[in-house]
N, C-alpha and C. Protein backbone atom coordinates (compact mmCIF):
# COMPACT_ATOMS: atom_id res chain seq x y z
N MET A 1 30.81 -61.22 -2.10
CA MET A 1 30.94 -59.95 -1.39
C MET A 1 30.99 -60.22 0.11
N ASP A 2 31.84 -59.49 0.79
CA ASP A 2 31.94 -59.63 2.23
C ASP A 2 30.59 -59.27 2.88
N ARG A 3 30.10 -60.17 3.77
CA ARG A 3 28.76 -59.99 4.35
C ARG A 3 28.68 -58.69 5.14
N ARG A 4 29.78 -58.31 5.81
CA ARG A 4 29.76 -57.08 6.58
C ARG A 4 29.60 -55.87 5.67
N GLN A 5 30.29 -55.88 4.52
CA GLN A 5 30.14 -54.79 3.57
C GLN A 5 28.72 -54.73 3.04
N HIS A 6 28.15 -55.91 2.75
CA HIS A 6 26.79 -55.96 2.23
C HIS A 6 25.80 -55.41 3.25
N ARG A 7 26.04 -55.72 4.50
CA ARG A 7 25.15 -55.27 5.57
C ARG A 7 25.21 -53.76 5.71
N GLN A 8 26.41 -53.17 5.53
CA GLN A 8 26.54 -51.74 5.65
C GLN A 8 25.80 -51.01 4.53
N ARG A 9 25.74 -51.65 3.36
CA ARG A 9 25.09 -50.99 2.24
C ARG A 9 23.58 -51.15 2.25
N GLY A 10 23.08 -52.12 3.00
CA GLY A 10 21.65 -52.41 2.98
C GLY A 10 20.83 -51.28 3.54
N ALA A 11 19.67 -51.05 2.94
CA ALA A 11 18.76 -50.01 3.43
C ALA A 11 17.83 -50.60 4.48
N VAL A 12 17.41 -49.78 5.41
CA VAL A 12 16.50 -50.23 6.46
C VAL A 12 15.09 -50.30 5.90
N ARG A 13 14.45 -51.46 6.06
CA ARG A 13 13.09 -51.64 5.58
C ARG A 13 12.10 -51.29 6.69
N PRO A 14 10.84 -51.00 6.32
CA PRO A 14 9.86 -50.62 7.34
C PRO A 14 9.67 -51.67 8.42
N GLU A 15 9.80 -52.96 8.04
CA GLU A 15 9.57 -54.00 9.04
C GLU A 15 10.78 -54.22 9.93
N GLY A 16 11.84 -53.41 9.76
CA GLY A 16 12.99 -53.50 10.63
C GLY A 16 14.01 -54.52 10.18
N LEU A 17 14.06 -54.85 8.89
CA LEU A 17 15.03 -55.79 8.38
C LEU A 17 15.95 -55.10 7.39
N LEU A 18 17.20 -55.52 7.39
CA LEU A 18 18.12 -55.06 6.37
C LEU A 18 17.81 -55.76 5.06
N ALA A 19 18.40 -55.29 3.99
CA ALA A 19 18.14 -55.87 2.68
C ALA A 19 18.51 -57.34 2.62
N ASP A 20 19.47 -57.76 3.43
CA ASP A 20 19.87 -59.17 3.42
C ASP A 20 19.09 -60.00 4.42
N GLY A 21 18.06 -59.42 5.06
CA GLY A 21 17.21 -60.17 5.96
C GLY A 21 17.62 -60.13 7.41
N ASP A 22 18.76 -59.52 7.73
CA ASP A 22 19.19 -59.45 9.12
C ASP A 22 18.31 -58.48 9.90
N PRO A 23 17.92 -58.82 11.13
CA PRO A 23 17.11 -57.90 11.93
C PRO A 23 17.94 -56.71 12.42
N VAL A 24 17.29 -55.58 12.61
CA VAL A 24 17.94 -54.41 13.16
C VAL A 24 17.07 -53.87 14.29
N CYS A 25 17.69 -53.01 15.12
CA CYS A 25 16.92 -52.39 16.20
C CYS A 25 15.96 -51.37 15.60
N ARG A 26 14.73 -51.38 16.10
CA ARG A 26 13.75 -50.42 15.62
C ARG A 26 14.04 -49.04 16.21
N LEU A 27 13.81 -48.00 15.41
CA LEU A 27 14.00 -46.64 15.86
C LEU A 27 12.67 -46.04 16.27
N HIS A 28 12.73 -45.17 17.27
CA HIS A 28 11.52 -44.43 17.65
C HIS A 28 11.09 -43.57 16.46
N PRO A 29 9.79 -43.41 16.24
CA PRO A 29 9.33 -42.59 15.11
C PRO A 29 9.94 -41.19 15.07
N ASP A 30 10.14 -40.58 16.26
CA ASP A 30 10.74 -39.25 16.28
C ASP A 30 12.17 -39.29 15.76
N GLU A 31 12.89 -40.36 16.08
CA GLU A 31 14.27 -40.49 15.60
C GLU A 31 14.28 -40.75 14.10
N CYS A 32 13.33 -41.54 13.61
CA CYS A 32 13.23 -41.75 12.16
C CYS A 32 12.98 -40.44 11.44
N ASP A 33 12.10 -39.62 12.01
CA ASP A 33 11.80 -38.32 11.41
C ASP A 33 13.02 -37.42 11.44
N ARG A 34 13.75 -37.45 12.56
CA ARG A 34 14.96 -36.63 12.66
C ARG A 34 15.96 -37.01 11.60
N LEU A 35 16.22 -38.32 11.46
CA LEU A 35 17.19 -38.78 10.48
C LEU A 35 16.76 -38.44 9.06
N ALA A 36 15.47 -38.58 8.80
CA ALA A 36 14.97 -38.27 7.46
C ALA A 36 15.13 -36.79 7.13
N ARG A 37 14.85 -35.93 8.11
CA ARG A 37 14.96 -34.49 7.87
C ARG A 37 16.41 -34.08 7.69
N VAL A 38 17.31 -34.64 8.49
CA VAL A 38 18.73 -34.32 8.34
C VAL A 38 19.23 -34.79 6.98
N GLU A 39 18.85 -36.03 6.60
CA GLU A 39 19.29 -36.58 5.32
C GLU A 39 18.79 -35.73 4.15
N ALA A 40 17.59 -35.20 4.28
CA ALA A 40 17.00 -34.40 3.20
C ALA A 40 17.40 -32.93 3.27
N GLY A 41 18.22 -32.57 4.25
CA GLY A 41 18.62 -31.18 4.40
C GLY A 41 17.49 -30.28 4.86
N LEU A 42 16.56 -30.82 5.64
CA LEU A 42 15.39 -30.07 6.07
C LEU A 42 15.44 -29.70 7.55
N SER A 43 16.62 -29.63 8.11
CA SER A 43 16.73 -29.28 9.52
C SER A 43 16.11 -27.91 9.77
N ARG A 44 15.39 -27.80 10.87
CA ARG A 44 14.73 -26.54 11.22
C ARG A 44 15.67 -25.71 12.08
N ILE A 45 15.92 -24.47 11.66
CA ILE A 45 16.85 -23.59 12.36
C ILE A 45 16.05 -22.50 13.06
N VAL A 46 16.24 -22.41 14.37
CA VAL A 46 15.57 -21.39 15.18
C VAL A 46 16.63 -20.41 15.67
N ALA A 47 16.46 -19.15 15.30
CA ALA A 47 17.44 -18.11 15.65
C ALA A 47 16.93 -17.27 16.81
N LEU A 48 17.76 -17.11 17.82
CA LEU A 48 17.46 -16.21 18.92
C LEU A 48 18.29 -14.95 18.74
N LEU A 49 17.61 -13.83 18.57
CA LEU A 49 18.27 -12.56 18.37
C LEU A 49 17.93 -11.62 19.50
N GLY A 50 18.75 -10.60 19.67
CA GLY A 50 18.50 -9.60 20.70
C GLY A 50 19.77 -8.86 21.04
N ALA A 51 19.62 -7.75 21.71
CA ALA A 51 20.77 -6.99 22.18
C ALA A 51 21.42 -7.73 23.34
N GLU A 52 22.46 -7.12 23.89
CA GLU A 52 23.12 -7.72 25.04
C GLU A 52 22.18 -7.74 26.25
N CYS A 53 22.34 -8.76 27.07
CA CYS A 53 21.59 -8.89 28.32
C CYS A 53 20.08 -8.92 28.06
N THR A 54 19.68 -9.76 27.12
CA THR A 54 18.24 -9.93 26.85
C THR A 54 17.81 -11.39 27.03
N GLY A 55 18.66 -12.20 27.65
CA GLY A 55 18.26 -13.56 27.99
C GLY A 55 18.36 -14.57 26.86
N LYS A 56 19.12 -14.26 25.82
CA LYS A 56 19.22 -15.18 24.68
C LYS A 56 19.80 -16.52 25.07
N SER A 57 20.92 -16.50 25.77
CA SER A 57 21.60 -17.75 26.11
C SER A 57 20.75 -18.63 27.02
N THR A 58 20.13 -18.02 28.01
CA THR A 58 19.28 -18.78 28.94
C THR A 58 18.12 -19.43 28.20
N LEU A 59 17.47 -18.67 27.32
CA LEU A 59 16.34 -19.21 26.58
C LEU A 59 16.79 -20.28 25.59
N ALA A 60 17.91 -20.07 24.93
CA ALA A 60 18.41 -21.06 23.97
C ALA A 60 18.68 -22.39 24.66
N GLU A 61 19.31 -22.34 25.81
CA GLU A 61 19.61 -23.57 26.54
C GLU A 61 18.32 -24.27 26.98
N ALA A 62 17.35 -23.50 27.45
CA ALA A 62 16.09 -24.09 27.90
C ALA A 62 15.33 -24.71 26.74
N LEU A 63 15.30 -24.04 25.59
CA LEU A 63 14.62 -24.58 24.42
C LEU A 63 15.26 -25.88 23.95
N ALA A 64 16.58 -25.86 23.87
CA ALA A 64 17.29 -27.06 23.42
C ALA A 64 17.04 -28.23 24.37
N ARG A 65 17.00 -27.94 25.65
CA ARG A 65 16.77 -28.99 26.65
C ARG A 65 15.35 -29.54 26.53
N HIS A 66 14.37 -28.67 26.39
CA HIS A 66 12.97 -29.11 26.31
C HIS A 66 12.68 -29.89 25.04
N ARG A 67 13.32 -29.51 23.94
CA ARG A 67 13.01 -30.13 22.66
C ARG A 67 14.05 -31.16 22.22
N GLY A 68 15.08 -31.39 23.01
CA GLY A 68 16.12 -32.32 22.61
C GLY A 68 16.81 -31.90 21.33
N ALA A 69 17.01 -30.60 21.17
CA ALA A 69 17.55 -30.05 19.93
C ALA A 69 19.04 -29.80 20.02
N GLY A 70 19.65 -29.59 18.87
CA GLY A 70 21.04 -29.17 18.84
C GLY A 70 21.14 -27.71 19.26
N LEU A 71 22.18 -27.37 19.99
CA LEU A 71 22.37 -26.01 20.49
C LEU A 71 23.66 -25.43 19.93
N VAL A 72 23.56 -24.26 19.31
CA VAL A 72 24.74 -23.53 18.84
C VAL A 72 24.89 -22.30 19.72
N THR A 73 25.93 -22.27 20.52
CA THR A 73 26.14 -21.16 21.45
C THR A 73 26.76 -19.97 20.72
N GLU A 74 26.85 -18.87 21.42
CA GLU A 74 27.37 -17.63 20.83
C GLU A 74 28.89 -17.68 20.73
N TYR A 75 29.39 -17.69 19.50
CA TYR A 75 30.84 -17.75 19.30
C TYR A 75 31.52 -16.48 19.79
N LEU A 76 30.86 -15.33 19.67
CA LEU A 76 31.47 -14.08 20.11
C LEU A 76 31.89 -14.15 21.57
N ARG A 77 31.03 -14.69 22.42
CA ARG A 77 31.37 -14.80 23.84
C ARG A 77 32.61 -15.67 24.03
N GLU A 78 32.65 -16.78 23.33
CA GLU A 78 33.81 -17.67 23.40
C GLU A 78 35.08 -16.94 22.95
N TRP A 79 34.97 -16.19 21.87
CA TRP A 79 36.12 -15.47 21.33
C TRP A 79 36.60 -14.42 22.33
N CYS A 80 35.70 -13.66 22.90
CA CYS A 80 36.07 -12.62 23.87
C CYS A 80 36.71 -13.21 25.11
N ASP A 81 36.18 -14.32 25.58
CA ASP A 81 36.76 -14.98 26.75
C ASP A 81 38.18 -15.45 26.45
N SER A 82 38.39 -15.92 25.22
CA SER A 82 39.71 -16.43 24.84
C SER A 82 40.72 -15.31 24.64
N HIS A 83 40.29 -14.18 24.06
CA HIS A 83 41.21 -13.10 23.73
C HIS A 83 41.26 -12.00 24.78
N GLY A 84 40.32 -12.00 25.70
CA GLY A 84 40.32 -10.98 26.74
C GLY A 84 39.93 -9.60 26.24
N ARG A 85 39.24 -9.52 25.12
CA ARG A 85 38.82 -8.24 24.55
C ARG A 85 37.71 -8.50 23.53
N THR A 86 37.10 -7.43 23.06
CA THR A 86 36.13 -7.54 21.98
C THR A 86 36.84 -7.48 20.63
N PRO A 87 36.22 -7.99 19.57
CA PRO A 87 36.89 -8.01 18.26
C PRO A 87 37.08 -6.61 17.68
N ARG A 88 38.14 -6.48 16.91
CA ARG A 88 38.36 -5.26 16.14
C ARG A 88 37.55 -5.34 14.85
N ARG A 89 37.52 -4.24 14.13
CA ARG A 89 36.73 -4.18 12.90
C ARG A 89 37.09 -5.30 11.94
N GLU A 90 38.38 -5.51 11.73
CA GLU A 90 38.82 -6.51 10.75
C GLU A 90 38.60 -7.95 11.22
N GLU A 91 38.24 -8.13 12.48
CA GLU A 91 38.00 -9.47 13.02
C GLU A 91 36.52 -9.85 13.02
N GLN A 92 35.67 -8.91 12.70
CA GLN A 92 34.23 -9.16 12.74
C GLN A 92 33.79 -10.22 11.73
N ALA A 93 34.39 -10.22 10.55
CA ALA A 93 34.00 -11.19 9.52
C ALA A 93 34.25 -12.61 10.00
N HIS A 94 35.36 -12.82 10.71
CA HIS A 94 35.65 -14.15 11.24
C HIS A 94 34.58 -14.58 12.23
N ILE A 95 34.14 -13.66 13.08
CA ILE A 95 33.10 -13.99 14.06
C ILE A 95 31.83 -14.43 13.36
N ALA A 96 31.43 -13.67 12.35
CA ALA A 96 30.20 -14.00 11.61
C ALA A 96 30.34 -15.32 10.87
N ASP A 97 31.48 -15.52 10.21
CA ASP A 97 31.68 -16.75 9.44
C ASP A 97 31.69 -17.99 10.34
N GLU A 98 32.33 -17.87 11.49
CA GLU A 98 32.41 -19.01 12.40
C GLU A 98 31.04 -19.34 12.99
N GLN A 99 30.26 -18.30 13.32
CA GLN A 99 28.91 -18.55 13.83
C GLN A 99 28.08 -19.29 12.78
N ALA A 100 28.17 -18.83 11.53
CA ALA A 100 27.43 -19.48 10.44
C ALA A 100 27.88 -20.92 10.25
N ALA A 101 29.19 -21.14 10.29
CA ALA A 101 29.73 -22.49 10.08
C ALA A 101 29.26 -23.45 11.17
N ARG A 102 29.18 -22.97 12.39
CA ARG A 102 28.73 -23.83 13.49
C ARG A 102 27.24 -24.15 13.36
N ILE A 103 26.47 -23.20 12.88
CA ILE A 103 25.05 -23.47 12.66
C ILE A 103 24.88 -24.50 11.55
N GLU A 104 25.64 -24.34 10.47
CA GLU A 104 25.58 -25.30 9.36
C GLU A 104 25.96 -26.70 9.84
N ALA A 105 27.00 -26.78 10.64
CA ALA A 105 27.45 -28.08 11.14
C ALA A 105 26.37 -28.73 12.01
N ALA A 106 25.74 -27.94 12.86
CA ALA A 106 24.68 -28.48 13.72
C ALA A 106 23.49 -28.93 12.89
N ALA A 107 23.17 -28.19 11.84
CA ALA A 107 22.03 -28.54 10.99
C ALA A 107 22.26 -29.83 10.22
N SER A 108 23.52 -30.20 10.04
CA SER A 108 23.83 -31.47 9.37
C SER A 108 23.67 -32.66 10.30
N ARG A 109 23.50 -32.39 11.60
CA ARG A 109 23.41 -33.47 12.58
C ARG A 109 22.07 -33.53 13.31
N HIS A 110 21.32 -32.43 13.30
CA HIS A 110 20.10 -32.35 14.10
C HIS A 110 18.93 -31.89 13.24
N ALA A 111 17.75 -32.42 13.52
CA ALA A 111 16.54 -31.98 12.81
C ALA A 111 16.08 -30.61 13.29
N LEU A 112 16.41 -30.26 14.53
CA LEU A 112 16.06 -28.96 15.10
C LEU A 112 17.31 -28.36 15.72
N VAL A 113 17.62 -27.13 15.33
CA VAL A 113 18.81 -26.45 15.82
C VAL A 113 18.40 -25.12 16.45
N ILE A 114 18.83 -24.89 17.69
CA ILE A 114 18.57 -23.65 18.40
C ILE A 114 19.86 -22.83 18.39
N CYS A 115 19.79 -21.62 17.87
CA CYS A 115 21.00 -20.80 17.68
C CYS A 115 20.98 -19.59 18.60
N ASP A 116 21.96 -19.51 19.46
CA ASP A 116 22.15 -18.34 20.33
C ASP A 116 22.88 -17.28 19.50
N THR A 117 22.13 -16.56 18.71
CA THR A 117 22.51 -15.53 17.74
C THR A 117 22.91 -16.13 16.39
N THR A 118 22.91 -15.26 15.41
CA THR A 118 23.30 -15.61 14.04
C THR A 118 24.25 -14.53 13.54
N PRO A 119 24.78 -14.67 12.31
CA PRO A 119 25.67 -13.63 11.78
C PRO A 119 25.04 -12.24 11.72
N LEU A 120 23.71 -12.15 11.76
CA LEU A 120 23.07 -10.84 11.70
C LEU A 120 23.46 -9.96 12.88
N ILE A 121 23.60 -10.55 14.05
CA ILE A 121 24.00 -9.77 15.23
C ILE A 121 25.40 -9.22 15.04
N THR A 122 26.31 -10.02 14.51
CA THR A 122 27.67 -9.55 14.26
C THR A 122 27.68 -8.43 13.24
N ALA A 123 26.88 -8.59 12.18
CA ALA A 123 26.82 -7.55 11.14
C ALA A 123 26.30 -6.24 11.70
N LEU A 124 25.29 -6.31 12.56
CA LEU A 124 24.75 -5.09 13.14
C LEU A 124 25.70 -4.48 14.17
N CYS A 125 26.47 -5.32 14.83
CA CYS A 125 27.52 -4.79 15.72
C CYS A 125 28.57 -4.04 14.92
N SER A 126 28.94 -4.58 13.77
CA SER A 126 29.90 -3.89 12.90
C SER A 126 29.35 -2.54 12.46
N GLN A 127 28.08 -2.54 12.14
CA GLN A 127 27.43 -1.29 11.73
C GLN A 127 27.38 -0.30 12.89
N HIS A 128 27.06 -0.80 14.07
CA HIS A 128 26.88 0.05 15.25
C HIS A 128 28.22 0.61 15.75
N TYR A 129 29.21 -0.25 15.88
CA TYR A 129 30.47 0.16 16.50
C TYR A 129 31.49 0.72 15.51
N PHE A 130 31.46 0.22 14.26
CA PHE A 130 32.50 0.58 13.29
C PHE A 130 31.95 1.28 12.05
N GLN A 131 30.64 1.52 12.00
CA GLN A 131 30.02 2.12 10.81
C GLN A 131 30.39 1.33 9.55
N ASP A 132 30.36 0.02 9.67
CA ASP A 132 30.77 -0.89 8.61
C ASP A 132 29.58 -1.78 8.23
N ASP A 133 29.11 -1.62 6.99
CA ASP A 133 27.95 -2.38 6.52
C ASP A 133 28.31 -3.60 5.69
N ARG A 134 29.58 -3.91 5.57
CA ARG A 134 30.00 -4.93 4.60
C ARG A 134 29.48 -6.33 4.92
N LEU A 135 29.19 -6.62 6.16
CA LEU A 135 28.73 -7.96 6.52
C LEU A 135 27.22 -8.12 6.44
N LEU A 136 26.52 -7.03 6.19
CA LEU A 136 25.07 -7.05 6.35
C LEU A 136 24.35 -7.89 5.30
N ASP A 137 24.72 -7.76 4.04
CA ASP A 137 24.00 -8.49 2.98
C ASP A 137 24.08 -10.00 3.19
N ALA A 138 25.28 -10.50 3.47
CA ALA A 138 25.44 -11.94 3.69
C ALA A 138 24.69 -12.39 4.94
N ALA A 139 24.69 -11.55 5.97
CA ALA A 139 24.00 -11.90 7.21
C ALA A 139 22.49 -11.96 7.01
N ILE A 140 21.96 -11.05 6.23
CA ILE A 140 20.52 -11.05 5.95
C ILE A 140 20.15 -12.28 5.14
N ALA A 141 20.99 -12.61 4.15
CA ALA A 141 20.73 -13.81 3.35
C ALA A 141 20.72 -15.06 4.23
N PHE A 142 21.64 -15.13 5.18
CA PHE A 142 21.68 -16.27 6.10
C PHE A 142 20.43 -16.28 6.97
N GLN A 143 20.01 -15.12 7.42
CA GLN A 143 18.84 -15.04 8.30
C GLN A 143 17.59 -15.53 7.59
N ARG A 144 17.50 -15.32 6.30
CA ARG A 144 16.33 -15.77 5.55
C ARG A 144 16.21 -17.29 5.55
N ARG A 145 17.28 -17.98 5.82
CA ARG A 145 17.26 -19.44 5.85
C ARG A 145 16.73 -19.98 7.18
N CYS A 146 16.63 -19.12 8.17
CA CYS A 146 16.14 -19.56 9.48
C CYS A 146 14.62 -19.74 9.41
N ASP A 147 14.14 -20.79 10.02
CA ASP A 147 12.71 -21.10 10.00
C ASP A 147 11.92 -20.27 11.00
N LEU A 148 12.56 -19.86 12.06
CA LEU A 148 11.88 -19.09 13.11
C LEU A 148 12.89 -18.16 13.75
N THR A 149 12.50 -16.90 13.92
CA THR A 149 13.34 -15.93 14.62
C THR A 149 12.62 -15.48 15.88
N LEU A 150 13.26 -15.67 17.01
CA LEU A 150 12.75 -15.22 18.30
C LEU A 150 13.54 -13.99 18.71
N LEU A 151 12.86 -12.89 18.90
CA LEU A 151 13.52 -11.63 19.25
C LEU A 151 13.32 -11.35 20.73
N CYS A 152 14.41 -11.43 21.47
CA CYS A 152 14.36 -11.27 22.93
C CYS A 152 14.32 -9.79 23.29
N ALA A 153 13.31 -9.41 24.03
CA ALA A 153 13.10 -8.00 24.39
C ALA A 153 14.08 -7.55 25.46
N PRO A 154 14.42 -6.26 25.46
CA PRO A 154 15.34 -5.71 26.47
C PRO A 154 14.61 -5.30 27.74
N ASP A 155 13.78 -6.19 28.26
CA ASP A 155 12.98 -5.85 29.45
C ASP A 155 13.49 -6.54 30.71
N LEU A 156 14.61 -7.21 30.62
CA LEU A 156 15.21 -7.84 31.80
C LEU A 156 16.09 -6.84 32.54
N PRO A 157 16.25 -6.99 33.85
CA PRO A 157 17.16 -6.09 34.58
C PRO A 157 18.56 -6.17 33.99
N TRP A 158 19.21 -5.02 33.89
CA TRP A 158 20.56 -4.98 33.32
C TRP A 158 21.55 -5.63 34.28
N GLN A 159 22.40 -6.50 33.76
CA GLN A 159 23.42 -7.17 34.56
C GLN A 159 24.76 -7.03 33.87
N PRO A 160 25.71 -6.30 34.45
CA PRO A 160 27.05 -6.20 33.86
C PRO A 160 27.66 -7.59 33.72
N ASP A 161 28.34 -7.81 32.60
CA ASP A 161 28.89 -9.15 32.34
C ASP A 161 30.21 -9.03 31.60
N GLY A 162 31.21 -8.49 32.28
CA GLY A 162 32.54 -8.45 31.68
C GLY A 162 32.66 -7.42 30.57
N ILE A 163 33.47 -7.76 29.57
CA ILE A 163 33.90 -6.77 28.58
C ILE A 163 32.89 -6.53 27.48
N GLN A 164 31.86 -7.37 27.33
CA GLN A 164 30.96 -7.24 26.20
C GLN A 164 29.86 -6.20 26.39
N ARG A 165 29.48 -5.91 27.60
CA ARG A 165 28.25 -5.16 27.83
C ARG A 165 28.51 -3.67 28.05
N ASP A 166 27.72 -2.84 27.36
CA ASP A 166 27.93 -1.40 27.35
C ASP A 166 26.96 -0.63 28.22
N GLY A 167 25.81 -1.19 28.55
CA GLY A 167 24.84 -0.48 29.37
C GLY A 167 23.45 -0.54 28.78
N PRO A 168 22.43 -0.24 29.59
CA PRO A 168 21.04 -0.35 29.13
C PRO A 168 20.70 0.62 28.00
N GLU A 169 21.35 1.80 27.94
CA GLU A 169 21.05 2.75 26.87
C GLU A 169 21.49 2.19 25.52
N VAL A 170 22.68 1.62 25.47
CA VAL A 170 23.17 1.01 24.22
C VAL A 170 22.30 -0.19 23.87
N ARG A 171 21.89 -0.95 24.87
CA ARG A 171 21.02 -2.10 24.64
C ARG A 171 19.73 -1.66 23.94
N ALA A 172 19.13 -0.59 24.41
CA ALA A 172 17.88 -0.10 23.83
C ALA A 172 18.09 0.35 22.39
N ARG A 173 19.19 1.05 22.12
CA ARG A 173 19.46 1.52 20.76
C ARG A 173 19.71 0.35 19.81
N PHE A 174 20.43 -0.66 20.30
CA PHE A 174 20.71 -1.81 19.44
C PHE A 174 19.43 -2.59 19.16
N ASP A 175 18.57 -2.72 20.16
CA ASP A 175 17.29 -3.39 19.95
C ASP A 175 16.49 -2.68 18.86
N ALA A 176 16.47 -1.35 18.91
CA ALA A 176 15.74 -0.59 17.90
C ALA A 176 16.34 -0.80 16.51
N ARG A 177 17.66 -0.81 16.42
CA ARG A 177 18.34 -1.04 15.14
C ARG A 177 17.99 -2.43 14.60
N LEU A 178 17.97 -3.41 15.47
CA LEU A 178 17.67 -4.78 15.05
C LEU A 178 16.24 -4.89 14.52
N ARG A 179 15.30 -4.28 15.21
CA ARG A 179 13.91 -4.34 14.78
C ARG A 179 13.70 -3.63 13.44
N VAL A 180 14.33 -2.49 13.28
CA VAL A 180 14.22 -1.75 12.01
C VAL A 180 14.78 -2.59 10.87
N THR A 181 15.90 -3.25 11.10
CA THR A 181 16.53 -4.07 10.06
C THR A 181 15.64 -5.24 9.67
N LEU A 182 15.12 -5.95 10.66
CA LEU A 182 14.25 -7.09 10.37
C LEU A 182 13.02 -6.65 9.58
N GLN A 183 12.43 -5.55 10.00
CA GLN A 183 11.22 -5.08 9.32
C GLN A 183 11.54 -4.62 7.90
N ALA A 184 12.63 -3.89 7.73
CA ALA A 184 12.99 -3.38 6.41
C ALA A 184 13.29 -4.50 5.43
N CYS A 185 13.80 -5.61 5.94
CA CYS A 185 14.16 -6.73 5.08
C CYS A 185 13.03 -7.75 4.93
N GLY A 186 11.90 -7.48 5.56
CA GLY A 186 10.78 -8.40 5.47
C GLY A 186 11.02 -9.72 6.17
N LEU A 187 11.81 -9.68 7.24
CA LEU A 187 12.12 -10.89 8.00
C LEU A 187 11.18 -10.98 9.21
N PRO A 188 10.30 -11.97 9.25
CA PRO A 188 9.35 -12.08 10.36
C PRO A 188 10.03 -12.53 11.65
N TRP A 189 9.43 -12.16 12.76
CA TRP A 189 9.97 -12.59 14.04
C TRP A 189 8.84 -12.71 15.05
N VAL A 190 9.15 -13.37 16.17
CA VAL A 190 8.22 -13.49 17.30
C VAL A 190 8.87 -12.80 18.49
N ASP A 191 8.16 -11.86 19.09
CA ASP A 191 8.67 -11.17 20.27
C ASP A 191 8.61 -12.08 21.48
N VAL A 192 9.68 -12.08 22.25
CA VAL A 192 9.76 -12.87 23.47
C VAL A 192 10.11 -11.92 24.61
N ALA A 193 9.25 -11.85 25.61
CA ALA A 193 9.45 -10.90 26.70
C ALA A 193 8.99 -11.53 28.01
N GLY A 194 9.25 -10.81 29.11
CA GLY A 194 8.82 -11.29 30.42
C GLY A 194 9.91 -12.08 31.13
N ASP A 195 9.49 -12.81 32.16
CA ASP A 195 10.46 -13.60 32.91
C ASP A 195 10.80 -14.88 32.15
N GLU A 196 11.67 -15.70 32.73
CA GLU A 196 12.15 -16.90 32.03
C GLU A 196 11.01 -17.83 31.65
N ALA A 197 10.08 -18.04 32.57
CA ALA A 197 8.97 -18.96 32.29
C ALA A 197 8.09 -18.44 31.16
N ALA A 198 7.81 -17.14 31.17
CA ALA A 198 6.98 -16.56 30.11
C ALA A 198 7.67 -16.64 28.76
N ARG A 199 8.95 -16.37 28.75
CA ARG A 199 9.71 -16.43 27.49
C ARG A 199 9.72 -17.85 26.93
N LEU A 200 9.95 -18.81 27.79
CA LEU A 200 9.99 -20.19 27.34
C LEU A 200 8.64 -20.62 26.80
N ALA A 201 7.56 -20.22 27.46
CA ALA A 201 6.22 -20.59 27.01
C ALA A 201 5.94 -20.03 25.62
N VAL A 202 6.30 -18.77 25.40
CA VAL A 202 6.08 -18.15 24.09
C VAL A 202 6.91 -18.85 23.02
N ALA A 203 8.16 -19.15 23.35
CA ALA A 203 9.05 -19.79 22.39
C ALA A 203 8.57 -21.19 22.02
N LEU A 204 8.15 -21.96 23.02
CA LEU A 204 7.66 -23.31 22.74
C LEU A 204 6.38 -23.27 21.91
N ALA A 205 5.52 -22.31 22.18
CA ALA A 205 4.30 -22.17 21.38
C ALA A 205 4.64 -21.80 19.94
N ALA A 206 5.63 -20.93 19.76
CA ALA A 206 6.03 -20.53 18.42
C ALA A 206 6.59 -21.70 17.63
N LEU A 207 7.25 -22.61 18.32
CA LEU A 207 7.81 -23.79 17.65
C LEU A 207 6.74 -24.73 17.13
N GLN A 208 5.54 -24.63 17.67
CA GLN A 208 4.45 -25.49 17.22
C GLN A 208 3.83 -25.01 15.90
N ARG A 209 4.11 -23.76 15.54
CA ARG A 209 3.53 -23.20 14.33
C ARG A 209 4.35 -23.60 13.11
N PRO A 210 3.75 -23.53 11.92
CA PRO A 210 4.51 -23.80 10.70
C PRO A 210 5.67 -22.83 10.54
N SER A 211 6.67 -23.26 9.80
CA SER A 211 7.83 -22.41 9.56
C SER A 211 7.42 -21.10 8.91
N SER A 212 8.08 -20.01 9.33
CA SER A 212 7.82 -18.70 8.73
C SER A 212 8.71 -18.44 7.54
N ARG A 213 9.57 -19.40 7.19
CA ARG A 213 10.50 -19.19 6.08
C ARG A 213 9.79 -19.28 4.75
């Protein structure tokens, strides 16, 4: 057998040797744990939910940076920037599916994944803007797979941001809809409020607790 092929098939032993006796570089224990969790499909998914202009993106980036985690950004924002408009009713399913696919892809590579929204936000937007509930069941099922849900409060100053944002009144109504949905479905969450430092402190503390899934 070709020695290179044999080396590729060899398993890493605790003492840092391949099965054929060749030495390998030792991995940091945290990296070993990360690889083991990814291999076992045990990646931890942290979902950041909230209405528009509630600091989700800022907090997601800070969490990922502090914890060295994988970051899944909001696909809706990318889509709107690309198309110059918000999605129509028939385009909502694509937004939800793509967000889910990106989270799945990140979970296959990282032991900890920070998600700037999940399909649940898209489903509730469909319900809010188009009176369309068709995406809700699948979005709730996906949300149940998340280990931790951080719900960003609408207590930040309102900042207009292009075509996506409707105003503080709509933000408050959407926040209420989101909370009612989570509670009705028995989906636990951690409230995150205050300035950036306070939000980050609450989120980091929540990450230290056992999974709520």
